[in-house]
Amino acid sequence: MLDPVRLLLLRELADRGTMTAVAAACGYTSSAVSQQLAVLEREAGVQLLERVGRRVRLTHEGLRLVAHARIVLGALETAERDLRAGGTPRGPIDVACFSTFAAVHVVPALVAARERHPDLQVSLHELEPPEALSALRARRCEVAVCYSYNLTPAPPPAELDVHPLAIEPVLLALPADHACAADRDGRPVDLCNLTDAPWIVGSREDGSAALVQRACAIAGFPPRITHAVDDYQLVLRMVAHGLGVALVPQLVAHAHGPSSDVVLRPVANTELTRAVYAMTHPSLGARPPIDAVLDLLRIR
């Protein structure tokens, strides 16, 4: 029978890429990890690893075994955590989430968790989606909250469970004195009226710039991207001073409350939305604390 500990090391190698990273994460030396995986190869009776220069990579058989290992280890982890939890949400749970969703939804969820589940300790880590996903893969958190735009969808990793939380409109942020902001009825703005406008996009992830480029391409022109800014408060301040226009999720208005110098309008002729979702490891999907946190995060 294949040893579960060695299967875990193989899974970690698939997720982390190097023996050194596996050793650091699991408390082994690199040589001990190598020895354990060599024993696993003998147990399996097939070659699981092959050398490429100074590194190793999984063979086709190794990848097949990793897929089985995820199922086996997931079942074992679920059984262990379920027995520990006893059906009651308790223990530490780490949530990685980007700032705007954290400000509007995670903070109230933390307060509600304290009241409803006194034995549950939820810790928040402010991370952008790429870093949150890395933290989840490295098992530094149990829940990673991420997002994707409808015009530039990014399929989540197949090995993770996805839990939809919300779908929100993406709005155009304009200076209040801009000609396109003059309509007090709040009607949608056609982006073709902004062919010469400077655009402000995000600086820490590619999705924001790609969204602007795609939306403007649909409107028939390439955007003049002038600024790359990470902080939405700074984005709105720059818009207020006429330094550019931007596409911002509706959640930003709730989190930062733009001043009267900024007008938010829907975009005409193109639906722009952002989907917010949580990701977890399949092995944790049935764990009562995880279920409790996901329930608190869902938008009703």
C-alpha atoms as a PDB file:
ATOM      1  CA  MET A   1       0.000   0.000   0.000  1.00  0.00           C
ATOM      2  CA  LEU A   2       1.276   3.485  -0.845  1.00  0.00           C
ATOM      3  CA  ASP A   3       2.323   5.543   2.163  1.00  0.00           C
ATOM      4  CA  PRO A   4       0.112   8.663   2.704  1.00  0.00           C
ATOM      5  CA  VAL A   5       3.042  10.751   3.993  1.00  0.00           C
ATOM      6  CA  ARG A   6       5.009  10.068   0.818  1.00  0.00           C
ATOM      7  CA  LEU A   7       1.923  10.851  -1.257  1.00  0.00           C
ATOM      8  CA  LEU A   8       1.711  14.166   0.572  1.00  0.00           C
ATOM      9  CA  LEU A   9       5.337  14.947  -0.330  1.00  0.00           C
ATOM     10  CA  LEU A  10       4.591  14.129  -3.973  1.00  0.00           C
ATOM     11  CA  ARG A  11       1.562  16.415  -3.944  1.00  0.00           C
ATOM     12  CA  GLU A  12       3.624  19.192  -2.368  1.00  0.00           C
ATOM     13  CA  LEU A  13       6.255  18.788  -5.065  1.00  0.00           C
ATOM     14  CA  ALA A  14       3.562  19.158  -7.732  1.00  0.00           C
ATOM     15  CA  ASP A  15       2.281  22.338  -6.041  1.00  0.00           C
ATOM     16  CA  ARG A  16       5.593  23.928  -5.033  1.00  0.00           C
ATOM     17  CA  GLY A  17       7.908  22.849  -7.841  1.00  0.00           C
ATOM     18  CA  THR A  18      11.167  22.128  -5.992  1.00  0.00           C
ATOM     19  CA  MET A  19      12.492  19.746  -3.363  1.00  0.00           C
ATOM     20  CA  THR A  20      13.788  22.733  -1.400  1.00  0.00           C
ATOM     21  CA  ALA A  21      10.338  24.318  -1.210  1.00  0.00           C
ATOM     22  CA  VAL A  22       8.762  21.009  -0.151  1.00  0.00           C
ATOM     23  CA  ALA A  23      11.395  20.537   2.532  1.00  0.00           C
ATOM     24  CA  ALA A  24      10.851  24.031   3.922  1.00  0.00           C
ATOM     25  CA  ALA A  25       7.073  23.621   3.996  1.00  0.00           C
ATOM     26  CA  CYS A  26       7.028  20.144   5.515  1.00  0.00           C
ATOM     27  CA  GLY A  27       9.915  20.385   7.982  1.00  0.00           C
ATOM     28  CA  TYR A  28      12.244  17.952   6.197  1.00  0.00           C
ATOM     29  CA  THR A  29      15.682  18.311   4.668  1.00  0.00           C
ATOM     30  CA  SER A  30      15.871  18.260   0.871  1.00  0.00           C
ATOM     31  CA  SER A  31      17.742  14.963   0.977  1.00  0.00           C
ATOM     32  CA  ALA A  32      15.055  13.424   3.199  1.00  0.00           C
ATOM     33  CA  VAL A  33      12.338  14.501   0.745  1.00  0.00           C
ATOM     34  CA  SER A  34      14.350  13.000  -2.124  1.00  0.00           C
ATOM     35  CA  GLN A  35      14.804   9.734  -0.229  1.00  0.00           C
ATOM     36  CA  GLN A  36      11.100   9.486   0.628  1.00  0.00           C
ATOM     37  CA  LEU A  37      10.087  10.076  -2.980  1.00  0.00           C
ATOM     38  CA  ALA A  38      12.588   7.443  -4.111  1.00  0.00           C
ATOM     39  CA  VAL A  39      10.896   4.974  -1.751  1.00  0.00           C
ATOM     40  CA  LEU A  40       7.516   6.002  -3.166  1.00  0.00           C
ATOM     41  CA  GLU A  41       8.768   5.215  -6.676  1.00  0.00           C
ATOM     42  CA  ARG A  42       9.725   1.724  -5.518  1.00  0.00           C
ATOM     43  CA  GLU A  43       6.336   1.294  -3.848  1.00  0.00           C
ATOM     44  CA  ALA A  44       4.526   2.441  -7.004  1.00  0.00           C
ATOM     45  CA  GLY A  45       6.699   0.365  -9.318  1.00  0.00           C
ATOM     46  CA  VAL A  46       6.953   3.165 -11.919  1.00  0.00           C
ATOM     47  CA  GLN A  47       9.175   6.180 -12.501  1.00  0.00           C
ATOM     48  CA  LEU A  48       7.553   9.217 -10.902  1.00  0.00           C
ATOM     49  CA  LEU A  49      10.335  11.803 -11.331  1.00  0.00           C
ATOM     50  CA  GLU A  50      12.856  12.696 -14.002  1.00  0.00           C
ATOM     51  CA  ARG A  51      15.815  15.051 -13.878  1.00  0.00           C
ATOM     52  CA  VAL A  52      15.901  18.209 -15.975  1.00  0.00           C
ATOM     53  CA  GLY A  53      19.252  19.864 -15.367  1.00  0.00           C
ATOM     54  CA  ARG A  54      19.629  20.326 -11.634  1.00  0.00           C
ATOM     55  CA  ARG A  55      15.901  20.038 -10.953  1.00  0.00           C
ATOM     56  CA  VAL A  56      13.330  17.268 -11.111  1.00  0.00           C
ATOM     57  CA  ARG A  57       9.901  17.193 -12.684  1.00  0.00           C
ATOM     58  CA  LEU A  58       7.004  14.774 -12.533  1.00  0.00           C
ATOM     59  CA  THR A  59       6.670  12.154 -15.243  1.00  0.00           C
ATOM     60  CA  HIS A  60       3.324  11.340 -16.800  1.00  0.00           C
ATOM     61  CA  GLU A  61       2.920   8.547 -14.250  1.00  0.00           C
ATOM     62  CA  GLY A  62       3.898  10.958 -11.487  1.00  0.00           C
ATOM     63  CA  LEU A  63       1.176  13.378 -12.535  1.00  0.00           C
ATOM     64  CA  ARG A  64      -1.360  10.556 -12.598  1.00  0.00           C
ATOM     65  CA  LEU A  65      -0.376   9.556  -9.086  1.00  0.00           C
ATOM     66  CA  VAL A  66      -0.641  13.175  -7.897  1.00  0.00           C
ATOM     67  CA  ALA A  67      -4.253  13.228  -9.092  1.00  0.00           C
ATOM     68  CA  HIS A  68      -4.968  10.111  -7.022  1.00  0.00           C
ATOM     69  CA  ALA A  69      -2.991  11.529  -4.096  1.00  0.00           C
ATOM     70  CA  ARG A  70      -5.197  14.628  -4.018  1.00  0.00           C
ATOM     71  CA  ILE A  71      -8.277  12.427  -3.688  1.00  0.00           C
ATOM     72  CA  VAL A  72      -6.769  10.158  -1.037  1.00  0.00           C
ATOM     73  CA  LEU A  73      -5.228  12.946   1.035  1.00  0.00           C
ATOM     74  CA  GLY A  74      -8.348  15.049   0.655  1.00  0.00           C
ATOM     75  CA  ALA A  75     -10.454  12.254   2.104  1.00  0.00           C
ATOM     76  CA  LEU A  76      -8.027  11.735   4.987  1.00  0.00           C
ATOM     77  CA  GLU A  77      -7.826  15.460   5.764  1.00  0.00           C
ATOM     78  CA  THR A  78     -11.606  15.812   5.617  1.00  0.00           C
ATOM     79  CA  ALA A  79     -12.066  12.869   7.998  1.00  0.00           C
ATOM     80  CA  GLU A  80      -9.491  14.248  10.428  1.00  0.00           C
ATOM     81  CA  ARG A  81     -10.862  17.780  10.439  1.00  0.00           C
ATOM     82  CA  ASP A  82     -14.466  16.612  10.621  1.00  0.00           C
ATOM     83  CA  LEU A  83     -13.700  14.507  13.690  1.00  0.00           C
ATOM     84  CA  ARG A  84     -11.869  17.406  15.316  1.00  0.00           C
ATOM     85  CA  ALA A  85     -14.606  19.900  14.575  1.00  0.00           C
ATOM     86  CA  GLY A  86     -17.423  17.660  15.690  1.00  0.00           C
ATOM     87  CA  GLY A  87     -19.846  19.645  13.545  1.00  0.00           C
ATOM     88  CA  THR A  88     -19.174  22.896  15.420  1.00  0.00           C
ATOM     89  CA  PRO A  89     -17.223  25.735  13.754  1.00  0.00           C
ATOM     90  CA  ARG A  90     -14.091  26.158  15.862  1.00  0.00           C
ATOM     91  CA  GLY A  91     -10.390  26.720  15.565  1.00  0.00           C
ATOM     92  CA  PRO A  92      -8.288  29.122  13.483  1.00  0.00           C
ATOM     93  CA  ILE A  93      -9.209  29.972   9.890  1.00  0.00           C
ATOM     94  CA  ASP A  94      -7.066  32.253   7.731  1.00  0.00           C
ATOM     95  CA  VAL A  95      -8.768  34.245   4.961  1.00  0.00           C
ATOM     96  CA  ALA A  96      -6.784  36.004   2.216  1.00  0.00           C
ATOM     97  CA  CYS A  97      -8.745  38.774   0.498  1.00  0.00           C
ATOM     98  CA  PHE A  98      -8.273  41.959  -1.531  1.00  0.00           C
ATOM     99  CA  SER A  99      -8.867  45.253   0.261  1.00  0.00           C
ATOM    100  CA  THR A 100     -12.202  46.523  -1.112  1.00  0.00           C
ATOM    101  CA  PHE A 101     -14.111  43.291  -0.504  1.00  0.00           C
ATOM    102  CA  ALA A 102     -12.401  42.968   2.860  1.00  0.00           C
ATOM    103  CA  ALA A 103     -13.469  46.464   3.905  1.00  0.00           C
ATOM    104  CA  VAL A 104     -17.117  46.084   2.894  1.00  0.00           C
ATOM    105  CA  HIS A 105     -17.808  42.403   3.533  1.00  0.00           C
ATOM    106  CA  VAL A 106     -15.037  40.595   5.415  1.00  0.00           C
ATOM    107  CA  VAL A 107     -14.919  43.032   8.339  1.00  0.00           C
ATOM    108  CA  PRO A 108     -18.682  42.596   9.039  1.00  0.00           C
ATOM    109  CA  ALA A 109     -18.175  38.841   8.622  1.00  0.00           C
ATOM    110  CA  LEU A 110     -15.438  38.907  11.277  1.00  0.00           C
ATOM    111  CA  VAL A 111     -17.783  40.706  13.660  1.00  0.00           C
ATOM    112  CA  ALA A 112     -20.604  38.267  12.912  1.00  0.00           C
ATOM    113  CA  ALA A 113     -18.270  35.273  13.364  1.00  0.00           C
ATOM    114  CA  ARG A 114     -17.280  36.546  16.803  1.00  0.00           C
ATOM    115  CA  GLU A 115     -20.936  36.722  17.806  1.00  0.00           C
ATOM    116  CA  ARG A 116     -22.269  33.538  16.166  1.00  0.00           C
ATOM    117  CA  HIS A 117     -19.269  31.231  16.498  1.00  0.00           C
ATOM    118  CA  PRO A 118     -17.281  32.165  19.604  1.00  0.00           C
ATOM    119  CA  ASP A 119     -14.950  29.168  19.178  1.00  0.00           C
ATOM    120  CA  LEU A 120     -14.025  30.199  15.631  1.00  0.00           C
ATOM    121  CA  GLN A 121     -10.966  32.449  15.186  1.00  0.00           C
ATOM    122  CA  VAL A 122     -10.898  34.060  11.737  1.00  0.00           C
ATOM    123  CA  SER A 123      -7.750  35.945  10.691  1.00  0.00           C
ATOM    124  CA  LEU A 124      -7.719  38.313   7.707  1.00  0.00           C
ATOM    125  CA  HIS A 125      -4.724  38.709   5.404  1.00  0.00           C
ATOM    126  CA  GLU A 126      -5.000  41.521   2.852  1.00  0.00           C
ATOM    127  CA  LEU A 127      -3.659  40.102  -0.406  1.00  0.00           C
ATOM    128  CA  GLU A 128      -4.372  40.691  -4.072  1.00  0.00           C
ATOM    129  CA  PRO A 129      -5.760  37.634  -5.950  1.00  0.00           C
ATOM    130  CA  PRO A 130      -2.401  36.303  -7.273  1.00  0.00           C
ATOM    131  CA  GLU A 131      -0.849  36.447  -3.803  1.00  0.00           C
ATOM    132  CA  ALA A 132      -4.008  35.032  -2.192  1.00  0.00           C
ATOM    133  CA  LEU A 133      -3.955  32.110  -4.605  1.00  0.00           C
ATOM    134  CA  SER A 134      -0.281  31.472  -3.830  1.00  0.00           C
ATOM    135  CA  ALA A 135      -1.044  31.553  -0.111  1.00  0.00           C
ATOM    136  CA  LEU A 136      -3.873  29.049  -0.582  1.00  0.00           C
ATOM    137  CA  ARG A 137      -1.688  26.710  -2.617  1.00  0.00           C
ATOM    138  CA  ALA A 138       1.032  26.937   0.015  1.00  0.00           C
ATOM    139  CA  ARG A 139      -1.606  26.267   2.682  1.00  0.00           C
ATOM    140  CA  ARG A 140      -0.901  29.527   4.484  1.00  0.00           C
ATOM    141  CA  CYS A 141      -4.642  30.182   4.375  1.00  0.00           C
ATOM    142  CA  GLU A 142      -7.813  28.113   4.071  1.00  0.00           C
ATOM    143  CA  VAL A 143      -9.905  30.593   2.051  1.00  0.00           C
ATOM    144  CA  ALA A 144      -8.711  32.845  -0.790  1.00  0.00           C
ATOM    145  CA  VAL A 145     -11.098  35.513  -2.088  1.00  0.00           C
ATOM    146  CA  CYS A 146     -10.391  36.456  -5.721  1.00  0.00           C
ATOM    147  CA  TYR A 147     -12.162  38.012  -8.684  1.00  0.00           C
ATOM    148  CA  SER A 148     -12.307  38.072 -12.475  1.00  0.00           C
ATOM    149  CA  TYR A 149     -13.872  40.389 -15.050  1.00  0.00           C
ATOM    150  CA  ASN A 150     -16.451  39.139 -17.543  1.00  0.00           C
ATOM    151  CA  LEU A 151     -14.578  40.580 -20.554  1.00  0.00           C
ATOM    152  CA  THR A 152     -11.271  39.023 -19.476  1.00  0.00           C
ATOM    153  CA  PRO A 153     -12.262  35.825 -17.654  1.00  0.00           C
ATOM    154  CA  ALA A 154      -9.564  33.897 -15.803  1.00  0.00           C
ATOM    155  CA  PRO A 155     -10.582  30.270 -15.181  1.00  0.00           C
ATOM    156  CA  PRO A 156      -9.760  29.249 -11.587  1.00  0.00           C
ATOM    157  CA  PRO A 157      -7.333  26.339 -11.067  1.00  0.00           C
ATOM    158  CA  ALA A 158      -9.019  23.009 -11.642  1.00  0.00           C
ATOM    159  CA  GLU A 159      -7.609  21.513  -8.455  1.00  0.00           C
ATOM    160  CA  LEU A 160      -9.450  24.014  -6.219  1.00  0.00           C
ATOM    161  CA  ASP A 161     -13.100  24.381  -5.243  1.00  0.00           C
ATOM    162  CA  VAL A 162     -14.783  27.650  -6.257  1.00  0.00           C
ATOM    163  CA  HIS A 163     -17.546  29.273  -4.193  1.00  0.00           C
ATOM    164  CA  PRO A 164     -19.340  32.232  -5.876  1.00  0.00           C
ATOM    165  CA  LEU A 165     -19.813  35.195  -3.546  1.00  0.00           C
ATOM    166  CA  ALA A 166     -21.042  38.126  -5.662  1.00  0.00           C
ATOM    167  CA  ILE A 167     -21.333  39.654  -9.135  1.00  0.00           C
ATOM    168  CA  GLU A 168     -21.091  43.441  -9.273  1.00  0.00           C
ATOM    169  CA  PRO A 169     -21.189  46.013 -12.075  1.00  0.00           C
ATOM    170  CA  VAL A 170     -18.026  47.813 -13.153  1.00  0.00           C
ATOM    171  CA  LEU A 171     -18.598  51.556 -13.559  1.00  0.00           C
ATOM    172  CA  LEU A 172     -16.878  54.406 -15.346  1.00  0.00           C
ATOM    173  CA  ALA A 173     -15.346  57.000 -13.008  1.00  0.00           C
ATOM    174  CA  LEU A 174     -15.317  60.511 -14.487  1.00  0.00           C
ATOM    175  CA  PRO A 175     -14.407  63.973 -13.189  1.00  0.00           C
ATOM    176  CA  ALA A 176     -17.636  65.769 -12.264  1.00  0.00           C
ATOM    177  CA  ASP A 177     -16.895  68.543 -14.762  1.00  0.00           C
ATOM    178  CA  HIS A 178     -16.351  66.135 -17.678  1.00  0.00           C
ATOM    179  CA  ALA A 179     -18.782  66.552 -20.574  1.00  0.00           C
ATOM    180  CA  CYS A 180     -19.882  62.889 -20.286  1.00  0.00           C
ATOM    181  CA  ALA A 181     -20.809  63.448 -16.622  1.00  0.00           C
ATOM    182  CA  ALA A 182     -23.201  66.313 -17.352  1.00  0.00           C
ATOM    183  CA  ASP A 183     -26.273  64.068 -17.703  1.00  0.00           C
ATOM    184  CA  ARG A 184     -27.888  64.189 -14.256  1.00  0.00           C
ATOM    185  CA  ASP A 185     -30.115  61.193 -15.063  1.00  0.00           C
ATOM    186  CA  GLY A 186     -27.086  58.929 -14.766  1.00  0.00           C
ATOM    187  CA  ARG A 187     -27.500  57.364 -18.193  1.00  0.00           C
ATOM    188  CA  PRO A 188     -24.750  55.038 -19.471  1.00  0.00           C
ATOM    189  CA  VAL A 189     -21.744  56.610 -21.182  1.00  0.00           C
ATOM    190  CA  ASP A 190     -20.525  55.420 -24.572  1.00  0.00           C
ATOM    191  CA  LEU A 191     -16.770  54.883 -24.347  1.00  0.00           C
ATOM    192  CA  CYS A 192     -16.336  56.157 -27.897  1.00  0.00           C
ATOM    193  CA  ASN A 193     -16.694  59.630 -26.356  1.00  0.00           C
ATOM    194  CA  LEU A 194     -13.440  59.048 -24.460  1.00  0.00           C
ATOM    195  CA  THR A 195     -11.056  58.285 -27.341  1.00  0.00           C
ATOM    196  CA  ASP A 196      -8.663  61.047 -26.255  1.00  0.00           C
ATOM    197  CA  ALA A 197      -9.013  60.606 -22.485  1.00  0.00           C
ATOM    198  CA  PRO A 198      -6.089  59.491 -20.312  1.00  0.00           C
ATOM    199  CA  TRP A 199      -6.882  56.219 -18.529  1.00  0.00           C
ATOM    200  CA  ILE A 200      -5.914  55.047 -15.060  1.00  0.00           C
ATOM    201  CA  VAL A 201      -5.469  51.276 -14.575  1.00  0.00           C
ATOM    202  CA  GLY A 202      -4.310  49.011 -11.759  1.00  0.00           C
ATOM    203  CA  SER A 203      -0.620  48.490 -11.160  1.00  0.00           C
ATOM    204  CA  ARG A 204      -0.552  45.171  -9.285  1.00  0.00           C
ATOM    205  CA  GLU A 205      -2.535  42.897 -11.580  1.00  0.00           C
ATOM    206  CA  ASP A 206      -3.063  42.589 -15.313  1.00  0.00           C
ATOM    207  CA  GLY A 207      -6.868  42.272 -15.182  1.00  0.00           C
ATOM    208  CA  SER A 208      -7.598  45.989 -14.826  1.00  0.00           C
ATOM    209  CA  ALA A 209      -5.491  47.058 -17.820  1.00  0.00           C
ATOM    210  CA  ALA A 210      -6.809  44.155 -19.886  1.00  0.00           C
ATOM    211  CA  LEU A 211     -10.392  45.142 -19.018  1.00  0.00           C
ATOM    212  CA  VAL A 212      -9.847  48.742 -20.148  1.00  0.00           C
ATOM    213  CA  GLN A 213      -8.136  47.594 -23.340  1.00  0.00           C
ATOM    214  CA  ARG A 214     -10.914  45.115 -24.133  1.00  0.00           C
ATOM    215  CA  ALA A 215     -13.771  47.532 -23.344  1.00  0.00           C
ATOM    216  CA  CYS A 216     -12.214  50.285 -25.451  1.00  0.00           C
ATOM    217  CA  ALA A 217     -11.494  47.856 -28.292  1.00  0.00           C
ATOM    218  CA  ILE A 218     -15.202  46.969 -28.350  1.00  0.00           C
ATOM    219  CA  ALA A 219     -15.919  50.717 -28.550  1.00  0.00           C
ATOM    220  CA  GLY A 220     -13.531  50.931 -31.505  1.00  0.00           C
ATOM    221  CA  PHE A 221     -10.373  52.599 -30.214  1.00  0.00           C
ATOM    222  CA  PRO A 222      -7.158  51.831 -28.288  1.00  0.00           C
ATOM    223  CA  PRO A 223      -7.097  53.495 -24.842  1.00  0.00           C
ATOM    224  CA  ARG A 224      -4.386  55.976 -23.917  1.00  0.00           C
ATOM    225  CA  ILE A 225      -3.246  54.376 -20.638  1.00  0.00           C
ATOM    226  CA  THR A 226      -1.372  57.067 -18.738  1.00  0.00           C
ATOM    227  CA  HIS A 227      -1.312  56.015 -15.064  1.00  0.00           C
ATOM    228  CA  ALA A 228      -0.955  52.689 -13.227  1.00  0.00           C
ATOM    229  CA  VAL A 229      -2.155  52.967  -9.622  1.00  0.00           C
ATOM    230  CA  ASP A 230      -2.767  50.302  -6.993  1.00  0.00           C
ATOM    231  CA  ASP A 231      -4.902  52.186  -4.450  1.00  0.00           C
ATOM    232  CA  TYR A 232      -8.519  52.876  -5.464  1.00  0.00           C
ATOM    233  CA  GLN A 233      -8.646  55.887  -3.142  1.00  0.00           C
ATOM    234  CA  LEU A 234      -5.750  57.353  -5.092  1.00  0.00           C
ATOM    235  CA  VAL A 235      -7.484  56.442  -8.377  1.00  0.00           C
ATOM    236  CA  LEU A 236     -10.610  58.344  -7.328  1.00  0.00           C
ATOM    237  CA  ARG A 237      -8.563  61.308  -6.131  1.00  0.00           C
ATOM    238  CA  MET A 238      -6.776  61.459  -9.489  1.00  0.00           C
ATOM    239  CA  VAL A 239     -10.088  61.249 -11.338  1.00  0.00           C
ATOM    240  CA  ALA A 240     -11.479  64.043  -9.157  1.00  0.00           C
ATOM    241  CA  HIS A 241      -8.584  66.275 -10.236  1.00  0.00           C
ATOM    242  CA  GLY A 242      -9.121  65.523 -13.916  1.00  0.00           C
ATOM    243  CA  LEU A 243      -5.974  63.435 -14.328  1.00  0.00           C
ATOM    244  CA  GLY A 244      -7.804  60.581 -16.051  1.00  0.00           C
ATOM    245  CA  VAL A 245     -10.811  58.302 -16.182  1.00  0.00           C
ATOM    246  CA  ALA A 246     -11.040  54.759 -14.854  1.00  0.00           C
ATOM    247  CA  LEU A 247     -13.176  51.641 -14.654  1.00  0.00           C
ATOM    248  CA  VAL A 248     -13.938  50.763 -11.034  1.00  0.00           C
ATOM    249  CA  PRO A 249     -16.084  48.028  -9.483  1.00  0.00           C
ATOM    250  CA  GLN A 250     -19.215  49.250  -7.708  1.00  0.00           C
ATOM    251  CA  LEU A 251     -17.741  47.910  -4.469  1.00  0.00           C
ATOM    252  CA  VAL A 252     -15.169  50.719  -4.612  1.00  0.00           C
ATOM    253  CA  ALA A 253     -17.932  53.285  -4.140  1.00  0.00           C
ATOM    254  CA  HIS A 254     -19.097  51.449  -1.007  1.00  0.00           C
ATOM    255  CA  ALA A 255     -15.571  51.086   0.335  1.00  0.00           C
ATOM    256  CA  HIS A 256     -14.226  54.567  -0.386  1.00  0.00           C
ATOM    257  CA  GLY A 257     -17.225  56.838  -1.009  1.00  0.00           C
ATOM    258  CA  PRO A 258     -16.043  58.998  -3.929  1.00  0.00           C
ATOM    259  CA  SER A 259     -16.268  62.762  -3.465  1.00  0.00           C
ATOM    260  CA  SER A 260     -18.713  65.031  -5.262  1.00  0.00           C
ATOM    261  CA  ASP A 261     -15.890  65.736  -7.734  1.00  0.00           C
ATOM    262  CA  VAL A 262     -16.237  62.173  -9.115  1.00  0.00           C
ATOM    263  CA  VAL A 263     -19.201  60.811 -11.057  1.00  0.00           C
ATOM    264  CA  LEU A 264     -19.800  57.085 -11.555  1.00  0.00           C
ATOM    265  CA  ARG A 265     -21.692  56.007 -14.671  1.00  0.00           C
ATOM    266  CA  PRO A 266     -22.549  52.655 -16.297  1.00  0.00           C
ATOM    267  CA  VAL A 267     -20.891  51.924 -19.633  1.00  0.00           C
ATOM    268  CA  ALA A 268     -23.178  51.901 -22.656  1.00  0.00           C
ATOM    269  CA  ASN A 269     -23.461  49.027 -25.150  1.00  0.00           C
ATOM    270  CA  THR A 270     -21.198  46.677 -23.169  1.00  0.00           C
ATOM    271  CA  GLU A 271     -21.955  44.829 -19.948  1.00  0.00           C
ATOM    272  CA  LEU A 272     -19.042  45.119 -17.536  1.00  0.00           C
ATOM    273  CA  THR A 273     -19.089  43.004 -14.386  1.00  0.00           C
ATOM    274  CA  ARG A 274     -16.707  41.580 -11.831  1.00  0.00           C
ATOM    275  CA  ALA A 275     -17.302  38.166 -10.262  1.00  0.00           C
ATOM    276  CA  VAL A 276     -16.027  37.702  -6.711  1.00  0.00           C
ATOM    277  CA  TYR A 277     -15.483  34.153  -5.492  1.00  0.00           C
ATOM    278  CA  ALA A 278     -13.749  32.215  -2.750  1.00  0.00           C
ATOM    279  CA  MET A 279     -11.453  29.275  -3.377  1.00  0.00           C
ATOM    280  CA  THR A 280     -10.656  26.410  -1.043  1.00  0.00           C
ATOM    281  CA  HIS A 281      -8.858  23.108  -1.246  1.00  0.00           C
ATOM    282  CA  PRO A 282     -11.306  20.267  -1.974  1.00  0.00           C
ATOM    283  CA  SER A 283     -10.135  18.493   1.165  1.00  0.00           C
ATOM    284  CA  LEU A 284     -11.464  21.405   3.252  1.00  0.00           C
ATOM    285  CA  GLY A 285     -14.811  21.831   1.517  1.00  0.00           C
ATOM    286  CA  ALA A 286     -16.840  19.912   4.117  1.00  0.00           C
ATOM    287  CA  ARG A 287     -15.077  21.335   7.151  1.00  0.00           C
ATOM    288  CA  PRO A 288     -17.575  23.124   9.453  1.00  0.00           C
ATOM    289  CA  PRO A 289     -15.325  26.166  10.066  1.00  0.00           C
ATOM    290  CA  ILE A 290     -14.814  26.667   6.323  1.00  0.00           C
ATOM    291  CA  ASP A 291     -18.533  26.313   5.659  1.00  0.00           C
ATOM    292  CA  ALA A 292     -19.267  28.860   8.393  1.00  0.00           C
ATOM    293  CA  VAL A 293     -16.821  31.398   6.939  1.00  0.00           C
ATOM    294  CA  LEU A 294     -18.135  30.931   3.381  1.00  0.00           C
ATOM    295  CA  ASP A 295     -21.697  31.396   4.599  1.00  0.00           C
ATOM    296  CA  LEU A 296     -20.741  34.672   6.313  1.00  0.00           C
ATOM    297  CA  LEU A 297     -18.992  35.955   3.169  1.00  0.00           C
ATOM    298  CA  ARG A 298     -21.819  35.292   0.702  1.00  0.00           C
ATOM    299  CA  ILE A 299     -23.676  38.404  -0.419  1.00  0.00           C
ATOM    300  CA  ARG A 300     -27.415  38.153   0.207  1.00  0.00           C
END
